[in-house]
């Protein structure tokens, strides 16, 4: 894995933290690394879905789905 700077690290950790919600059993059993692995996997799954959505957008869709539609009106 390539080295990332502290800002990129903080940004990535913040994204994972949004999914880091230990279940009662994980907390009771102190399975913090397991919770982290689950949170990271869920975060990656959502980011990959968002990336796929962005890649699928065509210019014609962009004008319809944004406030910029008035700019592109003929």
C-alpha atoms as a PDB file:
ATOM      1  CA  UNK A   1       0.000   0.000   0.000  1.00  0.00           C
ATOM      2  CA  UNK A   2       1.302   3.437  -0.857  1.00  0.00           C
ATOM      3  CA  UNK A   3       2.020   5.884   1.926  1.00  0.00           C
ATOM      4  CA  UNK A   4      -0.609   8.580   2.400  1.00  0.00           C
ATOM      5  CA  UNK A   5      -0.130  11.942   4.047  1.00  0.00           C
ATOM      6  CA  UNK A   6      -1.765  12.857   7.350  1.00  0.00           C
ATOM      7  CA  UNK A   7      -4.646  14.720   5.699  1.00  0.00           C
ATOM      8  CA  UNK A   8      -5.522  11.794   3.447  1.00  0.00           C
ATOM      9  CA  UNK A   9      -5.215   9.481   6.462  1.00  0.00           C
ATOM     10  CA  UNK A  10      -7.543  11.662   8.536  1.00  0.00           C
ATOM     11  CA  UNK A  11     -10.030  11.837   5.655  1.00  0.00           C
ATOM     12  CA  UNK A  12     -10.026   8.058   5.154  1.00  0.00           C
ATOM     13  CA  UNK A  13     -10.367   7.396   8.883  1.00  0.00           C
ATOM     14  CA  UNK A  14     -13.265   9.843   9.101  1.00  0.00           C
ATOM     15  CA  UNK A  15     -15.080   7.988   6.327  1.00  0.00           C
ATOM     16  CA  UNK A  16     -14.611   4.628   8.078  1.00  0.00           C
ATOM     17  CA  UNK A  17     -15.637   6.140  11.415  1.00  0.00           C
ATOM     18  CA  UNK A  18     -19.041   6.922   9.931  1.00  0.00           C
ATOM     19  CA  UNK A  19     -19.672   3.171   9.662  1.00  0.00           C
ATOM     20  CA  UNK A  20     -18.005   2.204  12.954  1.00  0.00           C
ATOM     21  CA  UNK A  21     -20.933   1.262  15.178  1.00  0.00           C
ATOM     22  CA  UNK A  22     -20.100  -1.758  17.336  1.00  0.00           C
ATOM     23  CA  UNK A  23     -22.997  -4.065  18.060  1.00  0.00           C
ATOM     24  CA  UNK A  24     -23.667  -4.833  21.733  1.00  0.00           C
ATOM     25  CA  UNK A  25     -22.057  -8.264  21.349  1.00  0.00           C
ATOM     26  CA  UNK A  26     -18.978  -6.796  19.642  1.00  0.00           C
ATOM     27  CA  UNK A  27     -18.593  -4.280  22.461  1.00  0.00           C
ATOM     28  CA  UNK A  28     -19.095  -6.900  25.174  1.00  0.00           C
ATOM     29  CA  UNK A  29     -16.530  -9.205  23.563  1.00  0.00           C
ATOM     30  CA  UNK A  30     -14.167  -6.299  22.780  1.00  0.00           C
ATOM     31  CA  UNK A  31     -14.108  -7.205  19.082  1.00  0.00           C
ATOM     32  CA  UNK A  32     -12.960  -3.749  18.054  1.00  0.00           C
ATOM     33  CA  UNK A  33     -10.780  -4.894  15.165  1.00  0.00           C
ATOM     34  CA  UNK A  34     -13.620  -7.034  13.796  1.00  0.00           C
ATOM     35  CA  UNK A  35     -15.905  -3.997  14.034  1.00  0.00           C
ATOM     36  CA  UNK A  36     -13.275  -1.903  12.221  1.00  0.00           C
ATOM     37  CA  UNK A  37     -12.953  -4.511   9.447  1.00  0.00           C
ATOM     38  CA  UNK A  38     -16.736  -4.555   8.994  1.00  0.00           C
ATOM     39  CA  UNK A  39     -16.928  -0.742   8.977  1.00  0.00           C
ATOM     40  CA  UNK A  40     -14.100  -0.483   6.454  1.00  0.00           C
ATOM     41  CA  UNK A  41     -15.708  -3.067   4.153  1.00  0.00           C
ATOM     42  CA  UNK A  42     -19.063  -1.285   4.315  1.00  0.00           C
ATOM     43  CA  UNK A  43     -17.416   2.077   3.625  1.00  0.00           C
ATOM     44  CA  UNK A  44     -15.524   0.685   0.616  1.00  0.00           C
ATOM     45  CA  UNK A  45     -18.713  -0.918  -0.712  1.00  0.00           C
ATOM     46  CA  UNK A  46     -20.584   2.403  -0.573  1.00  0.00           C
ATOM     47  CA  UNK A  47     -17.687   4.357  -2.097  1.00  0.00           C
ATOM     48  CA  UNK A  48     -17.396   1.855  -4.957  1.00  0.00           C
ATOM     49  CA  UNK A  49     -21.145   2.170  -5.594  1.00  0.00           C
ATOM     50  CA  UNK A  50     -20.851   5.970  -5.625  1.00  0.00           C
ATOM     51  CA  UNK A  51     -17.908   5.773  -8.023  1.00  0.00           C
ATOM     52  CA  UNK A  52     -19.843   3.449 -10.328  1.00  0.00           C
ATOM     53  CA  UNK A  53     -22.790   5.857 -10.250  1.00  0.00           C
ATOM     54  CA  UNK A  54     -20.546   8.806 -11.154  1.00  0.00           C
ATOM     55  CA  UNK A  55     -18.902   6.877 -13.985  1.00  0.00           C
ATOM     56  CA  UNK A  56     -22.299   5.964 -15.433  1.00  0.00           C
ATOM     57  CA  UNK A  57     -23.511   9.564 -15.797  1.00  0.00           C
ATOM     58  CA  UNK A  58     -23.688  11.007 -19.304  1.00  0.00           C
ATOM     59  CA  UNK A  59     -23.726  14.703 -20.109  1.00  0.00           C
ATOM     60  CA  UNK A  60     -27.417  14.502 -20.989  1.00  0.00           C
ATOM     61  CA  UNK A  61     -28.195  13.205 -17.482  1.00  0.00           C
ATOM     62  CA  UNK A  62     -26.064  15.848 -15.810  1.00  0.00           C
ATOM     63  CA  UNK A  63     -28.224  18.761 -16.934  1.00  0.00           C
ATOM     64  CA  UNK A  64     -31.466  17.037 -15.940  1.00  0.00           C
ATOM     65  CA  UNK A  65     -30.350  16.047 -12.442  1.00  0.00           C
ATOM     66  CA  UNK A  66     -28.642  19.292 -11.402  1.00  0.00           C
ATOM     67  CA  UNK A  67     -29.405  22.961 -10.943  1.00  0.00           C
ATOM     68  CA  UNK A  68     -27.377  23.574 -14.082  1.00  0.00           C
ATOM     69  CA  UNK A  69     -30.191  22.424 -16.371  1.00  0.00           C
ATOM     70  CA  UNK A  70     -31.057  26.051 -17.190  1.00  0.00           C
ATOM     71  CA  UNK A  71     -27.530  26.580 -18.504  1.00  0.00           C
ATOM     72  CA  UNK A  72     -27.888  23.760 -20.991  1.00  0.00           C
ATOM     73  CA  UNK A  73     -31.378  24.623 -22.263  1.00  0.00           C
ATOM     74  CA  UNK A  74     -31.458  25.209 -25.998  1.00  0.00           C
END
